[in-house]
Amino acid sequence: MNSTVLVGRVGRDAEIRYFESGKVKANFSIAVNRWDAKTKSEVADWFNIDVWDKLAEFAGEYVKKGAQVVIDGRIAVNKWTDKASGNDRENFYILANSIRLLGSKRDIQEI
């Protein structure tokens, strides 16, 4: 089963794109902290998140840099051939099917 749940902070505001077909896509990144035993500190892993249609419109309005979110989705991959080198390339990302907003750093600082 290809399923993932991530809790992290948004690294940049969601960018929204509208297509002639009527489809809507939003993209943003999140940083998810994990413990690194070697350095004995937390390090951030970055994930690119794609969302479509009504969820994309929601993301465009509410997903802002610094907000803490829960992403439920699956790992997806784009594959292509690099025109300059002829090499096959691939890029992994998270295709989200739900977004939960937990708050922003500003909300936490105001408490």
PDB file of N, CA and C in Angstrom:
ATOM      1  N   MET A   1       0.839  -1.176   0.000  1.00  0.00           N
ATOM      2  CA  MET A   1       0.000   0.000   0.000  1.00  0.00           C
ATOM      3  C   MET A   1       0.885   1.240   0.000  1.00  0.00           C
ATOM      4  N   ASN A   2       0.579   2.202  -0.836  1.00  0.00           N
ATOM      5  CA  ASN A   2       1.331   3.450  -0.954  1.00  0.00           C
ATOM      6  C   ASN A   2       0.555   4.539  -0.226  1.00  0.00           C
ATOM      7  N   SER A   3       0.918   4.773   1.036  1.00  0.00           N
ATOM      8  CA  SER A   3       0.226   5.769   1.852  1.00  0.00           C
ATOM      9  C   SER A   3       1.230   6.422   2.784  1.00  0.00           C
ATOM     10  N   THR A   4       1.103   7.729   2.953  1.00  0.00           N
ATOM     11  CA  THR A   4       2.012   8.434   3.852  1.00  0.00           C
ATOM     12  C   THR A   4       1.274   9.541   4.583  1.00  0.00           C
ATOM     13  N   VAL A   5       1.682   9.771   5.832  1.00  0.00           N
ATOM     14  CA  VAL A   5       1.175  10.881   6.629  1.00  0.00           C
ATOM     15  C   VAL A   5       2.390  11.654   7.120  1.00  0.00           C
ATOM     16  N   LEU A   6       2.412  12.955   6.854  1.00  0.00           N
ATOM     17  CA  LEU A   6       3.524  13.806   7.255  1.00  0.00           C
ATOM     18  C   LEU A   6       3.005  14.961   8.096  1.00  0.00           C
ATOM     19  N   VAL A   7       3.757  15.306   9.142  1.00  0.00           N
ATOM     20  CA  VAL A   7       3.462  16.486   9.953  1.00  0.00           C
ATOM     21  C   VAL A   7       4.678  17.387   9.862  1.00  0.00           C
ATOM     22  N   GLY A   8       4.480  18.605   9.384  1.00  0.00           N
ATOM     23  CA  GLY A   8       5.611  19.506   9.226  1.00  0.00           C
ATOM     24  C   GLY A   8       5.173  20.943   9.064  1.00  0.00           C
ATOM     25  N   ARG A   9       6.159  21.793   8.792  1.00  0.00           N
ATOM     26  CA  ARG A   9       5.905  23.229   8.599  1.00  0.00           C
ATOM     27  C   ARG A   9       6.071  23.589   7.127  1.00  0.00           C
ATOM     28  N   VAL A  10       5.171  24.428   6.663  1.00  0.00           N
ATOM     29  CA  VAL A  10       5.173  24.860   5.267  1.00  0.00           C
ATOM     30  C   VAL A  10       6.370  25.773   5.027  1.00  0.00           C
ATOM     31  N   GLY A  11       7.136  25.474   3.978  1.00  0.00           N
ATOM     32  CA  GLY A  11       8.337  26.248   3.668  1.00  0.00           C
ATOM     33  C   GLY A  11       8.090  27.444   2.772  1.00  0.00           C
ATOM     34  N   ARG A  12       7.012  27.407   2.004  1.00  0.00           N
ATOM     35  CA  ARG A  12       6.651  28.530   1.135  1.00  0.00           C
ATOM     36  C   ARG A  12       5.152  28.473   0.889  1.00  0.00           C
ATOM     37  N   ASP A  13       4.567  29.637   0.666  1.00  0.00           N
ATOM     38  CA  ASP A  13       3.136  29.696   0.367  1.00  0.00           C
ATOM     39  C   ASP A  13       2.812  28.797  -0.820  1.00  0.00           C
ATOM     40  N   ALA A  14       1.629  28.209  -0.789  1.00  0.00           N
ATOM     41  CA  ALA A  14       1.185  27.374  -1.902  1.00  0.00           C
ATOM     42  C   ALA A  14       1.085  28.214  -3.172  1.00  0.00           C
ATOM     43  N   GLU A  15       1.621  27.679  -4.261  1.00  0.00           N
ATOM     44  CA  GLU A  15       1.502  28.312  -5.578  1.00  0.00           C
ATOM     45  C   GLU A  15       0.379  27.603  -6.320  1.00  0.00           C
ATOM     46  N   ILE A  16      -0.554  28.360  -6.839  1.00  0.00           N
ATOM     47  CA  ILE A  16      -1.715  27.770  -7.487  1.00  0.00           C
ATOM     48  C   ILE A  16      -1.661  28.034  -8.991  1.00  0.00           C
ATOM     49  N   ARG A  17      -2.059  27.014  -9.775  1.00  0.00           N
ATOM     50  CA  ARG A  17      -2.086  27.132 -11.237  1.00  0.00           C
ATOM     51  C   ARG A  17      -3.443  26.676 -11.748  1.00  0.00           C
ATOM     52  N   TYR A  18      -3.965  27.415 -12.705  1.00  0.00           N
ATOM     53  CA  TYR A  18      -5.233  27.074 -13.343  1.00  0.00           C
ATOM     54  C   TYR A  18      -4.948  26.623 -14.769  1.00  0.00           C
ATOM     55  N   PHE A  19      -5.566  25.515 -15.172  1.00  0.00           N
ATOM     56  CA  PHE A  19      -5.359  24.964 -16.504  1.00  0.00           C
ATOM     57  C   PHE A  19      -6.589  25.207 -17.377  1.00  0.00           C
ATOM     58  N   GLU A  20      -6.376  25.234 -18.686  1.00  0.00           N
ATOM     59  CA  GLU A  20      -7.478  25.440 -19.629  1.00  0.00           C
ATOM     60  C   GLU A  20      -8.562  24.386 -19.476  1.00  0.00           C
ATOM     61  N   SER A  21      -8.187  23.199 -19.037  1.00  0.00           N
ATOM     62  CA  SER A  21      -9.141  22.103 -18.855  1.00  0.00           C
ATOM     63  C   SER A  21     -10.094  22.353 -17.687  1.00  0.00           C
ATOM     64  N   GLY A  22      -9.782  23.377 -16.872  1.00  0.00           N
ATOM     65  CA  GLY A  22     -10.591  23.643 -15.684  1.00  0.00           C
ATOM     66  C   GLY A  22      -9.984  23.077 -14.417  1.00  0.00           C
ATOM     67  N   LYS A  23      -8.939  22.266 -14.567  1.00  0.00           N
ATOM     68  CA  LYS A  23      -8.270  21.690 -13.398  1.00  0.00           C
ATOM     69  C   LYS A  23      -7.470  22.772 -12.678  1.00  0.00           C
ATOM     70  N   VAL A  24      -7.306  22.570 -11.377  1.00  0.00           N
ATOM     71  CA  VAL A  24      -6.540  23.488 -10.540  1.00  0.00           C
ATOM     72  C   VAL A  24      -5.503  22.669  -9.792  1.00  0.00           C
ATOM     73  N   LYS A  25      -4.271  23.176  -9.760  1.00  0.00           N
ATOM     74  CA  LYS A  25      -3.181  22.488  -9.066  1.00  0.00           C
ATOM     75  C   LYS A  25      -2.472  23.482  -8.159  1.00  0.00           C
ATOM     76  N   ALA A  26      -2.133  23.030  -6.947  1.00  0.00           N
ATOM     77  CA  ALA A  26      -1.307  23.833  -6.043  1.00  0.00           C
ATOM     78  C   ALA A  26      -0.102  23.004  -5.640  1.00  0.00           C
ATOM     79  N   ASN A  27       0.994  23.696  -5.394  1.00  0.00           N
ATOM     80  CA  ASN A  27       2.238  23.047  -4.994  1.00  0.00           C
ATOM     81  C   ASN A  27       2.861  23.860  -3.874  1.00  0.00           C
ATOM     82  N   PHE A  28       3.387  23.159  -2.871  1.00  0.00           N
ATOM     83  CA  PHE A  28       4.121  23.804  -1.787  1.00  0.00           C
ATOM     84  C   PHE A  28       5.077  22.783  -1.195  1.00  0.00           C
ATOM     85  N   SER A  29       5.944  23.223  -0.308  1.00  0.00           N
ATOM     86  CA  SER A  29       6.893  22.308   0.325  1.00  0.00           C
ATOM     87  C   SER A  29       6.699  22.350   1.834  1.00  0.00           C
ATOM     88  N   ILE A  30       7.037  21.226   2.480  1.00  0.00           N
ATOM     89  CA  ILE A  30       7.020  21.192   3.941  1.00  0.00           C
ATOM     90  C   ILE A  30       8.327  20.599   4.454  1.00  0.00           C
ATOM     91  N   ALA A  31       8.717  21.054   5.634  1.00  0.00           N
ATOM     92  CA  ALA A  31       9.884  20.515   6.328  1.00  0.00           C
ATOM     93  C   ALA A  31       9.381  19.633   7.460  1.00  0.00           C
ATOM     94  N   VAL A  32       9.886  18.407   7.500  1.00  0.00           N
ATOM     95  CA  VAL A  32       9.518  17.450   8.538  1.00  0.00           C
ATOM     96  C   VAL A  32      10.778  17.140   9.338  1.00  0.00           C
ATOM     97  N   ASN A  33      10.736  17.408  10.629  1.00  0.00           N
ATOM     98  CA  ASN A  33      11.906  17.177  11.477  1.00  0.00           C
ATOM     99  C   ASN A  33      12.040  15.708  11.845  1.00  0.00           C
ATOM    100  N   ARG A  34      13.287  15.256  11.921  1.00  0.00           N
ATOM    101  CA  ARG A  34      13.600  13.906  12.403  1.00  0.00           C
ATOM    102  C   ARG A  34      14.890  13.983  13.200  1.00  0.00           C
ATOM    103  N   TRP A  35      15.078  13.015  14.079  1.00  0.00           N
ATOM    104  CA  TRP A  35      16.270  12.959  14.909  1.00  0.00           C
ATOM    105  C   TRP A  35      17.394  12.290  14.133  1.00  0.00           C
ATOM    106  N   ASP A  36      18.568  12.902  14.138  1.00  0.00           N
ATOM    107  CA  ASP A  36      19.758  12.341  13.507  1.00  0.00           C
ATOM    108  C   ASP A  36      20.706  11.915  14.617  1.00  0.00           C
ATOM    109  N   ALA A  37      20.847  10.608  14.792  1.00  0.00           N
ATOM    110  CA  ALA A  37      21.677  10.083  15.878  1.00  0.00           C
ATOM    111  C   ALA A  37      23.148  10.456  15.694  1.00  0.00           C
ATOM    112  N   LYS A  38      23.593  10.560  14.457  1.00  0.00           N
ATOM    113  CA  LYS A  38      24.997  10.876  14.199  1.00  0.00           C
ATOM    114  C   LYS A  38      25.356  12.277  14.696  1.00  0.00           C
ATOM    115  N   THR A  39      24.502  13.256  14.400  1.00  0.00           N
ATOM    116  CA  THR A  39      24.782  14.632  14.819  1.00  0.00           C
ATOM    117  C   THR A  39      24.121  14.972  16.157  1.00  0.00           C
ATOM    118  N   LYS A  40      23.317  14.042  16.658  1.00  0.00           N
ATOM    119  CA  LYS A  40      22.587  14.237  17.921  1.00  0.00           C
ATOM    120  C   LYS A  40      21.769  15.532  17.899  1.00  0.00           C
ATOM    121  N   SER A  41      21.076  15.725  16.786  1.00  0.00           N
ATOM    122  CA  SER A  41      20.224  16.908  16.655  1.00  0.00           C
ATOM    123  C   SER A  41      19.103  16.608  15.660  1.00  0.00           C
ATOM    124  N   GLU A  42      18.117  17.502  15.649  1.00  0.00           N
ATOM    125  CA  GLU A  42      17.048  17.374  14.671  1.00  0.00           C
ATOM    126  C   GLU A  42      17.506  17.942  13.332  1.00  0.00           C
ATOM    127  N   VAL A  43      17.118  17.269  12.273  1.00  0.00           N
ATOM    128  CA  VAL A  43      17.367  17.760  10.920  1.00  0.00           C
ATOM    129  C   VAL A  43      16.033  17.767  10.176  1.00  0.00           C
ATOM    130  N   ALA A  44      15.926  18.613   9.186  1.00  0.00           N
ATOM    131  CA  ALA A  44      14.681  18.723   8.421  1.00  0.00           C
ATOM    132  C   ALA A  44      14.808  17.985   7.097  1.00  0.00           C
ATOM    133  N   ASP A  45      13.818  17.168   6.797  1.00  0.00           N
ATOM    134  CA  ASP A  45      13.663  16.574   5.475  1.00  0.00           C
ATOM    135  C   ASP A  45      12.592  17.385   4.755  1.00  0.00           C
ATOM    136  N   TRP A  46      12.857  17.752   3.506  1.00  0.00           N
ATOM    137  CA  TRP A  46      11.923  18.576   2.733  1.00  0.00           C
ATOM    138  C   TRP A  46      11.148  17.721   1.750  1.00  0.00           C
ATOM    139  N   PHE A  47       9.848  17.983   1.654  1.00  0.00           N
ATOM    140  CA  PHE A  47       8.963  17.256   0.749  1.00  0.00           C
ATOM    141  C   PHE A  47       8.166  18.252  -0.088  1.00  0.00           C
ATOM    142  N   ASN A  48       8.090  17.980  -1.389  1.00  0.00           N
ATOM    143  CA  ASN A  48       7.222  18.758  -2.273  1.00  0.00           C
ATOM    144  C   ASN A  48       5.838  18.124  -2.253  1.00  0.00           C
ATOM    145  N   ILE A  49       4.815  18.961  -2.122  1.00  0.00           N
ATOM    146  CA  ILE A  49       3.435  18.500  -2.023  1.00  0.00           C
ATOM    147  C   ILE A  49       2.648  19.049  -3.209  1.00  0.00           C
ATOM    148  N   ASP A  50       1.906  18.176  -3.896  1.00  0.00           N
ATOM    149  CA  ASP A  50       0.990  18.585  -4.960  1.00  0.00           C
ATOM    150  C   ASP A  50      -0.435  18.271  -4.529  1.00  0.00           C
ATOM    151  N   VAL A  51      -1.362  19.177  -4.822  1.00  0.00           N
ATOM    152  CA  VAL A  51      -2.784  18.950  -4.571  1.00  0.00           C
ATOM    153  C   VAL A  51      -3.574  19.459  -5.773  1.00  0.00           C
ATOM    154  N   TRP A  52      -4.741  18.884  -5.986  1.00  0.00           N
ATOM    155  CA  TRP A  52      -5.547  19.213  -7.157  1.00  0.00           C
ATOM    156  C   TRP A  52      -6.954  19.651  -6.773  1.00  0.00           C
ATOM    157  N   ASP A  53      -7.562  20.400  -7.663  1.00  0.00           N
ATOM    158  CA  ASP A  53      -8.968  20.777  -7.651  1.00  0.00           C
ATOM    159  C   ASP A  53      -9.375  21.529  -6.388  1.00  0.00           C
ATOM    160  N   LYS A  54     -10.437  21.127  -5.695  1.00  0.00           N
ATOM    161  CA  LYS A  54     -10.927  21.898  -4.541  1.00  0.00           C
ATOM    162  C   LYS A  54      -9.879  21.985  -3.440  1.00  0.00           C
ATOM    163  N   LEU A  55      -9.116  20.912  -3.237  1.00  0.00           N
ATOM    164  CA  LEU A  55      -8.060  20.939  -2.228  1.00  0.00           C
ATOM    165  C   LEU A  55      -6.966  21.933  -2.629  1.00  0.00           C
ATOM    166  N   ALA A  56      -6.711  22.062  -3.918  1.00  0.00           N
ATOM    167  CA  ALA A  56      -5.730  23.041  -4.403  1.00  0.00           C
ATOM    168  C   ALA A  56      -6.207  24.462  -4.127  1.00  0.00           C
ATOM    169  N   GLU A  57      -7.484  24.716  -4.337  1.00  0.00           N
ATOM    170  CA  GLU A  57      -8.033  26.044  -4.046  1.00  0.00           C
ATOM    171  C   GLU A  57      -7.938  26.352  -2.553  1.00  0.00           C
ATOM    172  N   PHE A  58      -8.215  25.339  -1.716  1.00  0.00           N
ATOM    173  CA  PHE A  58      -8.071  25.490  -0.265  1.00  0.00           C
ATOM    174  C   PHE A  58      -6.621  25.834   0.079  1.00  0.00           C
ATOM    175  N   ALA A  59      -5.681  25.075  -0.503  1.00  0.00           N
ATOM    176  CA  ALA A  59      -4.259  25.299  -0.227  1.00  0.00           C
ATOM    177  C   ALA A  59      -3.839  26.701  -0.650  1.00  0.00           C
ATOM    178  N   GLY A  60      -4.309  27.138  -1.809  1.00  0.00           N
ATOM    179  CA  GLY A  60      -3.954  28.464  -2.294  1.00  0.00           C
ATOM    180  C   GLY A  60      -4.390  29.570  -1.352  1.00  0.00           C
ATOM    181  N   GLU A  61      -5.489  29.353  -0.668  1.00  0.00           N
ATOM    182  CA  GLU A  61      -6.010  30.375   0.237  1.00  0.00           C
ATOM    183  C   GLU A  61      -5.434  30.278   1.649  1.00  0.00           C
ATOM    184  N   TYR A  62      -5.194  29.058   2.136  1.00  0.00           N
ATOM    185  CA  TYR A  62      -4.873  28.884   3.554  1.00  0.00           C
ATOM    186  C   TYR A  62      -3.476  28.346   3.873  1.00  0.00           C
ATOM    187  N   VAL A  63      -2.820  27.692   2.927  1.00  0.00           N
ATOM    188  CA  VAL A  63      -1.503  27.099   3.207  1.00  0.00           C
ATOM    189  C   VAL A  63      -0.438  28.168   3.006  1.00  0.00           C
ATOM    190  N   LYS A  64       0.083  28.667   4.124  1.00  0.00           N
ATOM    191  CA  LYS A  64       1.040  29.771   4.112  1.00  0.00           C
ATOM    192  C   LYS A  64       2.333  29.361   4.810  1.00  0.00           C
ATOM    193  N   LYS A  65       3.424  29.997   4.416  1.00  0.00           N
ATOM    194  CA  LYS A  65       4.739  29.728   4.990  1.00  0.00           C
ATOM    195  C   LYS A  65       4.674  29.793   6.520  1.00  0.00           C
ATOM    196  N   GLY A  66       5.241  28.773   7.172  1.00  0.00           N
ATOM    197  CA  GLY A  66       5.292  28.724   8.627  1.00  0.00           C
ATOM    198  C   GLY A  66       4.168  27.941   9.267  1.00  0.00           C
ATOM    199  N   ALA A  67       3.073  27.714   8.534  1.00  0.00           N
ATOM    200  CA  ALA A  67       1.941  26.972   9.098  1.00  0.00           C
ATOM    201  C   ALA A  67       2.334  25.517   9.332  1.00  0.00           C
ATOM    202  N   GLN A  68       1.855  24.952  10.432  1.00  0.00           N
ATOM    203  CA  GLN A  68       2.067  23.529  10.690  1.00  0.00           C
ATOM    204  C   GLN A  68       0.887  22.770  10.094  1.00  0.00           C
ATOM    205  N   VAL A  69       1.191  21.726   9.322  1.00  0.00           N
ATOM    206  CA  VAL A  69       0.156  20.980   8.612  1.00  0.00           C
ATOM    207  C   VAL A  69       0.349  19.479   8.779  1.00  0.00           C
ATOM    208  N   VAL A  70      -0.757  18.762   8.607  1.00  0.00           N
ATOM    209  CA  VAL A  70      -0.731  17.306   8.486  1.00  0.00           C
ATOM    210  C   VAL A  70      -1.143  16.994   7.053  1.00  0.00           C
ATOM    211  N   ILE A  71      -0.306  16.252   6.359  1.00  0.00           N
ATOM    212  CA  ILE A  71      -0.561  15.872   4.969  1.00  0.00           C
ATOM    213  C   ILE A  71      -0.816  14.375   4.923  1.00  0.00           C
ATOM    214  N   ASP A  72      -1.924  13.994   4.332  1.00  0.00           N
ATOM    215  CA  ASP A  72      -2.246  12.586   4.108  1.00  0.00           C
ATOM    216  C   ASP A  72      -2.250  12.388   2.598  1.00  0.00           C
ATOM    217  N   GLY A  73      -1.455  11.447   2.110  1.00  0.00           N
ATOM    218  CA  GLY A  73      -1.380  11.263   0.670  1.00  0.00           C
ATOM    219  C   GLY A  73      -0.583  10.036   0.294  1.00  0.00           C
ATOM    220  N   ARG A  74      -0.010  10.084  -0.893  1.00  0.00           N
ATOM    221  CA  ARG A  74       0.797   8.964  -1.381  1.00  0.00           C
ATOM    222  C   ARG A  74       2.030   9.501  -2.095  1.00  0.00           C
ATOM    223  N   ILE A  75       3.037   8.667  -2.190  1.00  0.00           N
ATOM    224  CA  ILE A  75       4.252   9.026  -2.911  1.00  0.00           C
ATOM    225  C   ILE A  75       3.983   8.847  -4.406  1.00  0.00           C
ATOM    226  N   ALA A  76       4.342   9.861  -5.182  1.00  0.00           N
ATOM    227  CA  ALA A  76       4.165   9.821  -6.632  1.00  0.00           C
ATOM    228  C   ALA A  76       5.492  10.188  -7.288  1.00  0.00           C
ATOM    229  N   VAL A  77       5.603   9.896  -8.576  1.00  0.00           N
ATOM    230  CA  VAL A  77       6.853  10.172  -9.282  1.00  0.00           C
ATOM    231  C   VAL A  77       6.564  10.745 -10.665  1.00  0.00           C
ATOM    232  N   ASN A  78       7.347  11.737 -11.049  1.00  0.00           N
ATOM    233  CA  ASN A  78       7.369  12.253 -12.425  1.00  0.00           C
ATOM    234  C   ASN A  78       8.615  11.682 -13.084  1.00  0.00           C
ATOM    235  N   LYS A  79       8.461  11.125 -14.274  1.00  0.00           N
ATOM    236  CA  LYS A  79       9.605  10.602 -15.027  1.00  0.00           C
ATOM    237  C   LYS A  79       9.670  11.319 -16.367  1.00  0.00           C
ATOM    238  N   TRP A  80      10.897  11.653 -16.784  1.00  0.00           N
ATOM    239  CA  TRP A  80      11.098  12.319 -18.058  1.00  0.00           C
ATOM    240  C   TRP A  80      12.522  12.077 -18.536  1.00  0.00           C
ATOM    241  N   THR A  81      12.772  12.405 -19.788  1.00  0.00           N
ATOM    242  CA  THR A  81      14.113  12.331 -20.356  1.00  0.00           C
ATOM    243  C   THR A  81      14.640  13.749 -20.500  1.00  0.00           C
ATOM    244  N   ASP A  82      15.802  13.997 -19.917  1.00  0.00           N
ATOM    245  CA  ASP A  82      16.440  15.312 -19.985  1.00  0.00           C
ATOM    246  C   ASP A  82      16.838  15.579 -21.438  1.00  0.00           C
ATOM    247  N   LYS A  83      16.331  16.659 -22.001  1.00  0.00           N
ATOM    248  CA  LYS A  83      16.599  16.970 -23.413  1.00  0.00           C
ATOM    249  C   LYS A  83      18.066  17.282 -23.666  1.00  0.00           C
ATOM    250  N   ALA A  84      18.720  17.927 -22.716  1.00  0.00           N
ATOM    251  CA  ALA A  84      20.120  18.318 -22.911  1.00  0.00           C
ATOM    252  C   ALA A  84      21.058  17.117 -22.866  1.00  0.00           C
ATOM    253  N   SER A  85      20.838  16.216 -21.889  1.00  0.00           N
ATOM    254  CA  SER A  85      21.773  15.102 -21.705  1.00  0.00           C
ATOM    255  C   SER A  85      21.263  13.783 -22.264  1.00  0.00           C
ATOM    256  N   GLY A  86      19.939  13.672 -22.458  1.00  0.00           N
ATOM    257  CA  GLY A  86      19.365  12.405 -22.903  1.00  0.00           C
ATOM    258  C   GLY A  86      19.173  11.409 -21.771  1.00  0.00           C
ATOM    259  N   ASN A  87      19.527  11.800 -20.548  1.00  0.00           N
ATOM    260  CA  ASN A  87      19.394  10.905 -19.397  1.00  0.00           C
ATOM    261  C   ASN A  87      17.958  10.856 -18.899  1.00  0.00           C
ATOM    262  N   ASP A  88      17.551   9.660 -18.446  1.00  0.00           N
ATOM    263  CA  ASP A  88      16.245   9.523 -17.807  1.00  0.00           C
ATOM    264  C   ASP A  88      16.316  10.137 -16.423  1.00  0.00           C
ATOM    265  N   ARG A  89      15.294  10.888 -16.067  1.00  0.00           N
ATOM    266  CA  ARG A  89      15.245  11.573 -14.771  1.00  0.00           C
ATOM    267  C   ARG A  89      13.939  11.219 -14.082  1.00  0.00           C
ATOM    268  N   GLU A  90      13.923  11.395 -12.754  1.00  0.00           N
ATOM    269  CA  GLU A  90      12.688  11.219 -12.007  1.00  0.00           C
ATOM    270  C   GLU A  90      12.693  12.116 -10.781  1.00  0.00           C
ATOM    271  N   ASN A  91      11.499  12.509 -10.376  1.00  0.00           N
ATOM    272  CA  ASN A  91      11.323  13.402  -9.243  1.00  0.00           C
ATOM    273  C   ASN A  91      10.170  12.862  -8.397  1.00  0.00           C
ATOM    274  N   PHE A  92      10.444  12.576  -7.138  1.00  0.00           N
ATOM    275  CA  PHE A  92       9.413  12.071  -6.237  1.00  0.00           C
ATOM    276  C   PHE A  92       8.765  13.229  -5.491  1.00  0.00           C
ATOM    277  N   TYR A  93       7.478  13.101  -5.232  1.00  0.00           N
ATOM    278  CA  TYR A  93       6.730  14.115  -4.499  1.00  0.00           C
ATOM    279  C   TYR A  93       5.565  13.439  -3.782  1.00  0.00           C
ATOM    280  N   ILE A  94       4.862  14.195  -2.961  1.00  0.00           N
ATOM    281  CA  ILE A  94       3.693  13.680  -2.257  1.00  0.00           C
ATOM    282  C   ILE A  94       2.449  14.231  -2.946  1.00  0.00           C
ATOM    283  N   LEU A  95       1.563  13.343  -3.374  1.00  0.00           N
ATOM    284  CA  LEU A  95       0.270  13.727  -3.923  1.00  0.00           C
ATOM    285  C   LEU A  95      -0.731  13.651  -2.775  1.00  0.00           C
ATOM    286  N   ALA A  96      -1.129  14.808  -2.271  1.00  0.00           N
ATOM    287  CA  ALA A  96      -1.960  14.868  -1.066  1.00  0.00           C
ATOM    288  C   ALA A  96      -3.433  14.674  -1.396  1.00  0.00           C
ATOM    289  N   ASN A  97      -4.129  13.949  -0.494  1.00  0.00           N
ATOM    290  CA  ASN A  97      -5.583  13.856  -0.628  1.00  0.00           C
ATOM    291  C   ASN A  97      -6.289  14.538   0.537  1.00  0.00           C
ATOM    292  N   SER A  98      -5.506  14.998   1.544  1.00  0.00           N
ATOM    293  CA  SER A  98      -6.085  15.839   2.595  1.00  0.00           C
ATOM    294  C   SER A  98      -4.988  16.681   3.238  1.00  0.00           C
ATOM    295  N   ILE A  99      -5.396  17.849   3.712  1.00  0.00           N
ATOM    296  CA  ILE A  99      -4.510  18.776   4.421  1.00  0.00           C
ATOM    297  C   ILE A  99      -5.239  19.212   5.681  1.00  0.00           C
ATOM    298  N   ARG A 100      -4.560  19.093   6.813  1.00  0.00           N
ATOM    299  CA  ARG A 100      -5.101  19.618   8.068  1.00  0.00           C
ATOM    300  C   ARG A 100      -4.191  20.730   8.556  1.00  0.00           C
ATOM    301  N   LEU A 101      -4.742  21.880   8.859  1.00  0.00           N
ATOM    302  CA  LEU A 101      -3.960  22.997   9.385  1.00  0.00           C
ATOM    303  C   LEU A 101      -3.904  22.895  10.899  1.00  0.00           C
ATOM    304  N   LEU A 102      -2.688  22.936  11.458  1.00  0.00           N
ATOM    305  CA  LEU A 102      -2.516  22.854  12.908  1.00  0.00           C
ATOM    306  C   LEU A 102      -2.191  24.198  13.526  1.00  0.00           C
ATOM    307  N   GLY A 103      -1.741  25.146  12.743  1.00  0.00           N
ATOM    308  CA  GLY A 103      -1.386  26.460  13.276  1.00  0.00           C
ATOM    309  C   GLY A 103      -0.136  26.977  12.603  1.00  0.00           C
ATOM    310  N   SER A 104       0.237  28.192  12.959  1.00  0.00           N
ATOM    311  CA  SER A 104       1.443  28.795  12.399  1.00  0.00           C
ATOM    312  C   SER A 104       2.373  29.186  13.527  1.00  0.00           C
ATOM    313  N   LYS A 105       3.624  29.480  13.193  1.00  0.00           N
ATOM    314  CA  LYS A 105       4.581  29.930  14.206  1.00  0.00           C
ATOM    315  C   LYS A 105       4.081  31.199  14.875  1.00  0.00           C
ATOM    316  N   ARG A 106       3.430  32.073  14.097  1.00  0.00           N
ATOM    317  CA  ARG A 106       2.896  33.310  14.656  1.00  0.00           C
ATOM    318  C   ARG A 106       1.829  32.995  15.710  1.00  0.00           C
ATOM    319  N   ASP A 107       0.956  32.003  15.424  1.00  0.00           N
ATOM    320  CA  ASP A 107      -0.073  31.618  16.393  1.00  0.00           C
ATOM    321  C   ASP A 107       0.560  31.149  17.689  1.00  0.00           C
ATOM    322  N   ILE A 108       1.632  30.374  17.578  1.00  0.00           N
ATOM    323  CA  ILE A 108       2.310  29.840  18.759  1.00  0.00           C
ATOM    324  C   ILE A 108       2.975  30.967  19.533  1.00  0.00           C
ATOM    325  N   GLN A 109       3.604  31.907  18.838  1.00  0.00           N
ATOM    326  CA  GLN A 109       4.295  33.010  19.497  1.00  0.00           C
ATOM    327  C   GLN A 109       3.322  33.939  20.217  1.00  0.00           C
ATOM    328  N   GLU A 110       2.077  34.002  19.734  1.00  0.00           N
ATOM    329  CA  GLU A 110       1.095  34.886  20.354  1.00  0.00           C
ATOM    330  C   GLU A 110       0.494  34.288  21.615  1.00  0.00           C
ATOM    331  N   ILE A 111       0.654  33.001  21.836  1.00  0.00           N
ATOM    332  CA  ILE A 111       0.066  32.333  23.007  1.00  0.00           C
ATOM    333  C   ILE A 111       0.873  32.624  24.247  1.00  0.00           C
TER     334      ILE A 111
END
